[in-house]
Amino acid sequence: MSNTETEAALDTGVKNRKPSLVAYQVREGKDEQSYWDRIGIAWSNRDGGFTVQLHSIPLDGRIVLTKPKNNG
């Protein structure tokens, strides 16, 4: 199986699981205020790494990965 096929197989399993992390773009504003924009999610892999799915790619600021907040 090629790397692309392996990644596709892992990606299929990932889509059925809750994300391990949420990706945010963090930009600094005036008066030390930060702006957090959600830009994607990540899932943990069996080998200890992560699969990251970004919905946008920031041109400035930084990307911060945090654990999802519990909604219940």
PDB file of N, CA and C in Angstrom:
ATOM      1  N   MET A   1       0.861  -1.181   0.000  1.00  0.00           N
ATOM      2  CA  MET A   1       0.000   0.000   0.000  1.00  0.00           C
ATOM      3  C   MET A   1       0.901   1.236   0.000  1.00  0.00           C
ATOM      4  N   SER A   2       0.623   2.199  -0.860  1.00  0.00           N
ATOM      5  CA  SER A   2       1.433   3.416  -0.936  1.00  0.00           C
ATOM      6  C   SER A   2       1.125   4.333   0.239  1.00  0.00           C
ATOM      7  N   ASN A   3       1.972   5.335   0.457  1.00  0.00           N
ATOM      8  CA  ASN A   3       1.744   6.296   1.540  1.00  0.00           C
ATOM      9  C   ASN A   3       0.415   7.013   1.367  1.00  0.00           C
ATOM     10  N   THR A   4       0.061   7.353   0.129  1.00  0.00           N
ATOM     11  CA  THR A   4      -1.198   8.037  -0.142  1.00  0.00           C
ATOM     12  C   THR A   4      -2.384   7.151   0.224  1.00  0.00           C
ATOM     13  N   GLU A   5      -2.307   5.863  -0.137  1.00  0.00           N
ATOM     14  CA  GLU A   5      -3.379   4.931   0.201  1.00  0.00           C
ATOM     15  C   GLU A   5      -3.483   4.742   1.712  1.00  0.00           C
ATOM     16  N   THR A   6      -2.337   4.657   2.387  1.00  0.00           N
ATOM     17  CA  THR A   6      -2.318   4.512   3.843  1.00  0.00           C
ATOM     18  C   THR A   6      -2.947   5.733   4.500  1.00  0.00           C
ATOM     19  N   GLU A   7      -2.557   6.925   4.046  1.00  0.00           N
ATOM     20  CA  GLU A   7      -3.122   8.154   4.601  1.00  0.00           C
ATOM     21  C   GLU A   7      -4.622   8.226   4.366  1.00  0.00           C
ATOM     22  N   ALA A   8      -5.071   7.803   3.198  1.00  0.00           N
ATOM     23  CA  ALA A   8      -6.503   7.830   2.885  1.00  0.00           C
ATOM     24  C   ALA A   8      -7.255   6.860   3.787  1.00  0.00           C
ATOM     25  N   ALA A   9      -6.684   5.674   4.031  1.00  0.00           N
ATOM     26  CA  ALA A   9      -7.329   4.694   4.904  1.00  0.00           C
ATOM     27  C   ALA A   9      -7.414   5.230   6.327  1.00  0.00           C
ATOM     28  N   LEU A  10      -6.344   5.846   6.817  1.00  0.00           N
ATOM     29  CA  LEU A  10      -6.353   6.427   8.156  1.00  0.00           C
ATOM     30  C   LEU A  10      -7.343   7.583   8.231  1.00  0.00           C
ATOM     31  N   ASP A  11      -7.412   8.384   7.168  1.00  0.00           N
ATOM     32  CA  ASP A  11      -8.300   9.543   7.139  1.00  0.00           C
ATOM     33  C   ASP A  11      -9.759   9.102   7.244  1.00  0.00           C
ATOM     34  N   THR A  12     -10.113   7.994   6.621  1.00  0.00           N
ATOM     35  CA  THR A  12     -11.483   7.491   6.687  1.00  0.00           C
ATOM     36  C   THR A  12     -11.855   7.149   8.117  1.00  0.00           C
ATOM     37  N   GLY A  13     -10.958   6.487   8.855  1.00  0.00           N
ATOM     38  CA  GLY A  13     -11.215   6.161  10.250  1.00  0.00           C
ATOM     39  C   GLY A  13     -11.260   7.386  11.129  1.00  0.00           C
ATOM     40  N   VAL A  14     -10.472   8.375  10.806  1.00  0.00           N
ATOM     41  CA  VAL A  14     -10.401   9.607  11.590  1.00  0.00           C
ATOM     42  C   VAL A  14     -11.713  10.367  11.537  1.00  0.00           C
ATOM     43  N   LYS A  15     -12.358  10.394  10.403  1.00  0.00           N
ATOM     44  CA  LYS A  15     -13.571  11.193  10.234  1.00  0.00           C
ATOM     45  C   LYS A  15     -14.713  10.709  11.120  1.00  0.00           C
ATOM     46  N   ASN A  16     -14.646   9.469  11.589  1.00  0.00           N
ATOM     47  CA  ASN A  16     -15.701   8.926  12.433  1.00  0.00           C
ATOM     48  C   ASN A  16     -15.414   9.098  13.925  1.00  0.00           C
ATOM     49  N   ARG A  17     -14.312   9.748  14.269  1.00  0.00           N
ATOM     50  CA  ARG A  17     -13.944   9.948  15.669  1.00  0.00           C
ATOM     51  C   ARG A  17     -13.994  11.427  16.023  1.00  0.00           C
ATOM     52  N   LYS A  18     -14.167  11.706  17.318  1.00  0.00           N
ATOM     53  CA  LYS A  18     -14.103  13.090  17.784  1.00  0.00           C
ATOM     54  C   LYS A  18     -12.658  13.562  17.699  1.00  0.00           C
ATOM     55  N   PRO A  19     -12.434  14.834  17.389  1.00  0.00           N
ATOM     56  CA  PRO A  19     -11.055  15.324  17.303  1.00  0.00           C
ATOM     57  C   PRO A  19     -10.391  15.356  18.680  1.00  0.00           C
ATOM     58  N   SER A  20      -9.078  15.149  18.688  1.00  0.00           N
ATOM     59  CA  SER A  20      -8.281  15.219  19.909  1.00  0.00           C
ATOM     60  C   SER A  20      -7.958  16.660  20.266  1.00  0.00           C
ATOM     61  N   LEU A  21      -7.784  17.485  19.228  1.00  0.00           N
ATOM     62  CA  LEU A  21      -7.385  18.874  19.411  1.00  0.00           C
ATOM     63  C   LEU A  21      -8.140  19.782  18.450  1.00  0.00           C
ATOM     64  N   VAL A  22      -8.232  21.050  18.808  1.00  0.00           N
ATOM     65  CA  VAL A  22      -8.823  22.068  17.944  1.00  0.00           C
ATOM     66  C   VAL A  22      -7.713  23.058  17.610  1.00  0.00           C
ATOM     67  N   ALA A  23      -7.606  23.445  16.340  1.00  0.00           N
ATOM     68  CA  ALA A  23      -6.574  24.383  15.892  1.00  0.00           C
ATOM     69  C   ALA A  23      -7.153  25.788  15.791  1.00  0.00           C
ATOM     70  N   TYR A  24      -6.437  26.747  16.363  1.00  0.00           N
ATOM     71  CA  TYR A  24      -6.824  28.152  16.322  1.00  0.00           C
ATOM     72  C   TYR A  24      -5.678  28.992  15.770  1.00  0.00           C
ATOM     73  N   GLN A  25      -6.030  30.025  15.015  1.00  0.00           N
ATOM     74  CA  GLN A  25      -5.072  31.061  14.660  1.00  0.00           C
ATOM     75  C   GLN A  25      -5.186  32.109  15.758  1.00  0.00           C
ATOM     76  N   VAL A  26      -4.056  32.480  16.343  1.00  0.00           N
ATOM     77  CA  VAL A  26      -4.061  33.492  17.397  1.00  0.00           C
ATOM     78  C   VAL A  26      -3.281  34.704  16.895  1.00  0.00           C
ATOM     79  N   ARG A  27      -3.974  35.843  16.896  1.00  0.00           N
ATOM     80  CA  ARG A  27      -3.356  37.104  16.470  1.00  0.00           C
ATOM     81  C   ARG A  27      -3.368  38.071  17.639  1.00  0.00           C
ATOM     82  N   GLU A  28      -2.291  38.802  17.776  1.00  0.00           N
ATOM     83  CA  GLU A  28      -2.193  39.800  18.847  1.00  0.00           C
ATOM     84  C   GLU A  28      -2.835  41.097  18.381  1.00  0.00           C
ATOM     85  N   GLY A  29      -3.638  41.693  19.261  1.00  0.00           N
ATOM     86  CA  GLY A  29      -4.291  42.960  18.962  1.00  0.00           C
ATOM     87  C   GLY A  29      -3.733  44.064  19.838  1.00  0.00           C
ATOM     88  N   LYS A  30      -4.447  45.140  19.901  1.00  0.00           N
ATOM     89  CA  LYS A  30      -4.039  46.271  20.728  1.00  0.00           C
ATOM     90  C   LYS A  30      -4.232  45.941  22.204  1.00  0.00           C
ATOM     91  N   ASP A  31      -3.466  46.603  23.060  1.00  0.00           N
ATOM     92  CA  ASP A  31      -3.582  46.456  24.512  1.00  0.00           C
ATOM     93  C   ASP A  31      -3.464  45.002  24.964  1.00  0.00           C
ATOM     94  N   GLU A  32      -2.556  44.250  24.361  1.00  0.00           N
ATOM     95  CA  GLU A  32      -2.284  42.850  24.722  1.00  0.00           C
ATOM     96  C   GLU A  32      -3.502  41.941  24.599  1.00  0.00           C
ATOM     97  N   GLN A  33      -4.461  42.308  23.765  1.00  0.00           N
ATOM     98  CA  GLN A  33      -5.643  41.482  23.524  1.00  0.00           C
ATOM     99  C   GLN A  33      -5.330  40.517  22.385  1.00  0.00           C
ATOM    100  N   SER A  34      -5.744  39.244  22.528  1.00  0.00           N
ATOM    101  CA  SER A  34      -5.527  38.236  21.493  1.00  0.00           C
ATOM    102  C   SER A  34      -6.851  37.883  20.826  1.00  0.00           C
ATOM    103  N   TYR A  35      -6.788  37.582  19.541  1.00  0.00           N
ATOM    104  CA  TYR A  35      -7.963  37.161  18.772  1.00  0.00           C
ATOM    105  C   TYR A  35      -7.759  35.714  18.346  1.00  0.00           C
ATOM    106  N   TRP A  36      -8.692  34.851  18.740  1.00  0.00           N
ATOM    107  CA  TRP A  36      -8.614  33.431  18.444  1.00  0.00           C
ATOM    108  C   TRP A  36      -9.668  33.075  17.402  1.00  0.00           C
ATOM    109  N   ASP A  37      -9.226  32.538  16.267  1.00  0.00           N
ATOM    110  CA  ASP A  37     -10.132  32.096  15.204  1.00  0.00           C
ATOM    111  C   ASP A  37      -9.914  30.603  14.976  1.00  0.00           C
ATOM    112  N   ARG A  38     -10.991  29.822  15.069  1.00  0.00           N
ATOM    113  CA  ARG A  38     -10.889  28.376  14.857  1.00  0.00           C
ATOM    114  C   ARG A  38     -10.603  28.115  13.385  1.00  0.00           C
ATOM    115  N   ILE A  39      -9.548  27.331  13.110  1.00  0.00           N
ATOM    116  CA  ILE A  39      -9.170  27.079  11.722  1.00  0.00           C
ATOM    117  C   ILE A  39      -9.077  25.601  11.376  1.00  0.00           C
ATOM    118  N   GLY A  40      -9.292  24.712  12.347  1.00  0.00           N
ATOM    119  CA  GLY A  40      -9.213  23.291  12.020  1.00  0.00           C
ATOM    120  C   GLY A  40      -9.272  22.399  13.245  1.00  0.00           C
ATOM    121  N   ILE A  41      -8.996  21.103  12.994  1.00  0.00           N
ATOM    122  CA  ILE A  41      -9.025  20.098  14.047  1.00  0.00           C
ATOM    123  C   ILE A  41      -7.911  19.084  13.811  1.00  0.00           C
ATOM    124  N   ALA A  42      -7.613  18.287  14.843  1.00  0.00           N
ATOM    125  CA  ALA A  42      -6.570  17.266  14.735  1.00  0.00           C
ATOM    126  C   ALA A  42      -6.982  16.021  15.501  1.00  0.00           C
ATOM    127  N   TRP A  43      -6.548  14.863  15.006  1.00  0.00           N
ATOM    128  CA  TRP A  43      -6.810  13.582  15.651  1.00  0.00           C
ATOM    129  C   TRP A  43      -5.485  12.912  15.961  1.00  0.00           C
ATOM    130  N   SER A  44      -5.418  12.211  17.084  1.00  0.00           N
ATOM    131  CA  SER A  44      -4.193  11.476  17.416  1.00  0.00           C
ATOM    132  C   SER A  44      -4.129  10.202  16.579  1.00  0.00           C
ATOM    133  N   ASN A  45      -2.905   9.814  16.237  1.00  0.00           N
ATOM    134  CA  ASN A  45      -2.659   8.598  15.468  1.00  0.00           C
ATOM    135  C   ASN A  45      -2.143   7.509  16.398  1.00  0.00           C
ATOM    136  N   ARG A  46      -2.177   6.297  15.929  1.00  0.00           N
ATOM    137  CA  ARG A  46      -1.675   5.165  16.711  1.00  0.00           C
ATOM    138  C   ARG A  46      -0.186   5.286  17.019  1.00  0.00           C
ATOM    139  N   ASP A  47       0.572   5.940  16.149  1.00  0.00           N
ATOM    140  CA  ASP A  47       2.021   6.052  16.338  1.00  0.00           C
ATOM    141  C   ASP A  47       2.423   7.237  17.207  1.00  0.00           C
ATOM    142  N   GLY A  48       1.453   7.955  17.788  1.00  0.00           N
ATOM    143  CA  GLY A  48       1.759   9.088  18.663  1.00  0.00           C
ATOM    144  C   GLY A  48       1.745  10.427  17.958  1.00  0.00           C
ATOM    145  N   GLY A  49       1.570  10.436  16.641  1.00  0.00           N
ATOM    146  CA  GLY A  49       1.504  11.682  15.883  1.00  0.00           C
ATOM    147  C   GLY A  49       0.066  12.187  15.786  1.00  0.00           C
ATOM    148  N   PHE A  50      -0.151  13.158  14.907  1.00  0.00           N
ATOM    149  CA  PHE A  50      -1.472  13.739  14.719  1.00  0.00           C
ATOM    150  C   PHE A  50      -1.773  13.917  13.241  1.00  0.00           C
ATOM    151  N   THR A  51      -3.048  13.745  12.892  1.00  0.00           N
ATOM    152  CA  THR A  51      -3.554  14.107  11.574  1.00  0.00           C
ATOM    153  C   THR A  51      -4.267  15.434  11.741  1.00  0.00           C
ATOM    154  N   VAL A  52      -3.846  16.445  10.980  1.00  0.00           N
ATOM    155  CA  VAL A  52      -4.396  17.796  11.114  1.00  0.00           C
ATOM    156  C   VAL A  52      -5.190  18.135   9.864  1.00  0.00           C
ATOM    157  N   GLN A  53      -6.398  18.653  10.066  1.00  0.00           N
ATOM    158  CA  GLN A  53      -7.225  19.112   8.953  1.00  0.00           C
ATOM    159  C   GLN A  53      -7.487  20.600   9.169  1.00  0.00           C
ATOM    160  N   LEU A  54      -6.881  21.427   8.335  1.00  0.00           N
ATOM    161  CA  LEU A  54      -7.064  22.873   8.439  1.00  0.00           C
ATOM    162  C   LEU A  54      -8.113  23.328   7.433  1.00  0.00           C
ATOM    163  N   HIS A  55      -8.964  24.255   7.874  1.00  0.00           N
ATOM    164  CA  HIS A  55      -9.987  24.828   6.998  1.00  0.00           C
ATOM    165  C   HIS A  55      -9.502  26.124   6.372  1.00  0.00           C
ATOM    166  N   SER A  56      -8.455  26.685   6.945  1.00  0.00           N
ATOM    167  CA  SER A  56      -7.797  27.862   6.381  1.00  0.00           C
ATOM    168  C   SER A  56      -6.353  27.860   6.860  1.00  0.00           C
ATOM    169  N   ILE A  57      -5.505  28.588   6.164  1.00  0.00           N
ATOM    170  CA  ILE A  57      -4.093  28.668   6.511  1.00  0.00           C
ATOM    171  C   ILE A  57      -3.779  30.126   6.828  1.00  0.00           C
ATOM    172  N   PRO A  58      -3.392  30.404   8.066  1.00  0.00           N
ATOM    173  CA  PRO A  58      -3.130  31.792   8.452  1.00  0.00           C
ATOM    174  C   PRO A  58      -1.848  32.327   7.814  1.00  0.00           C
ATOM    175  N   LEU A  59      -1.876  33.608   7.493  1.00  0.00           N
ATOM    176  CA  LEU A  59      -0.700  34.268   6.934  1.00  0.00           C
ATOM    177  C   LEU A  59       0.104  34.989   8.008  1.00  0.00           C
ATOM    178  N   ASP A  60      -0.507  35.182   9.174  1.00  0.00           N
ATOM    179  CA  ASP A  60       0.214  35.817  10.273  1.00  0.00           C
ATOM    180  C   ASP A  60      -0.264  35.206  11.582  1.00  0.00           C
ATOM    181  N   GLY A  61       0.332  35.629  12.682  1.00  0.00           N
ATOM    182  CA  GLY A  61      -0.035  35.074  13.971  1.00  0.00           C
ATOM    183  C   GLY A  61       0.593  33.710  14.163  1.00  0.00           C
ATOM    184  N   ARG A  62      -0.029  32.907  15.006  1.00  0.00           N
ATOM    185  CA  ARG A  62       0.487  31.567  15.275  1.00  0.00           C
ATOM    186  C   ARG A  62      -0.685  30.588  15.325  1.00  0.00           C
ATOM    187  N   ILE A  63      -0.382  29.297  15.192  1.00  0.00           N
ATOM    188  CA  ILE A  63      -1.397  28.257  15.313  1.00  0.00           C
ATOM    189  C   ILE A  63      -1.245  27.625  16.694  1.00  0.00           C
ATOM    190  N   VAL A  64      -2.364  27.552  17.427  1.00  0.00           N
ATOM    191  CA  VAL A  64      -2.386  26.950  18.750  1.00  0.00           C
ATOM    192  C   VAL A  64      -3.345  25.768  18.722  1.00  0.00           C
ATOM    193  N   LEU A  65      -2.893  24.611  19.222  1.00  0.00           N
ATOM    194  CA  LEU A  65      -3.735  23.423  19.323  1.00  0.00           C
ATOM    195  C   LEU A  65      -4.146  23.253  20.778  1.00  0.00           C
ATOM    196  N   THR A  66      -5.455  23.142  21.023  1.00  0.00           N
ATOM    197  CA  THR A  66      -5.962  22.976  22.389  1.00  0.00           C
ATOM    198  C   THR A  66      -6.926  21.797  22.434  1.00  0.00           C
ATOM    199  N   LYS A  67      -7.128  21.253  23.617  1.00  0.00           N
ATOM    200  CA  LYS A  67      -8.117  20.190  23.765  1.00  0.00           C
ATOM    201  C   LYS A  67      -9.508  20.788  23.575  1.00  0.00           C
ATOM    202  N   PRO A  68     -10.420  20.033  22.932  1.00  0.00           N
ATOM    203  CA  PRO A  68     -11.783  20.548  22.749  1.00  0.00           C
ATOM    204  C   PRO A  68     -12.462  20.750  24.094  1.00  0.00           C
ATOM    205  N   LYS A  69     -13.319  21.763  24.144  1.00  0.00           N
ATOM    206  CA  LYS A  69     -14.098  22.020  25.358  1.00  0.00           C
ATOM    207  C   LYS A  69     -15.254  21.025  25.396  1.00  0.00           C
ATOM    208  N   ASN A  70     -15.576  20.550  26.584  1.00  0.00           N
ATOM    209  CA  ASN A  70     -16.743  19.656  26.752  1.00  0.00           C
ATOM    210  C   ASN A  70     -18.007  20.472  26.632  1.00  0.00           C
ATOM    211  N   ASN A  71     -18.929  19.985  25.847  1.00  0.00           N
ATOM    212  CA  ASN A  71     -20.206  20.692  25.652  1.00  0.00           C
ATOM    213  C   ASN A  71     -21.336  20.036  26.428  1.00  0.00           C
ATOM    214  N   GLY A  72     -21.062  19.438  27.547  1.00  0.00           N
ATOM    215  CA  GLY A  72     -22.130  18.779  28.258  1.00  0.00           C
ATOM    216  C   GLY A  72     -21.761  18.555  29.623  1.00  0.00           C
TER     217      GLY A  72
END
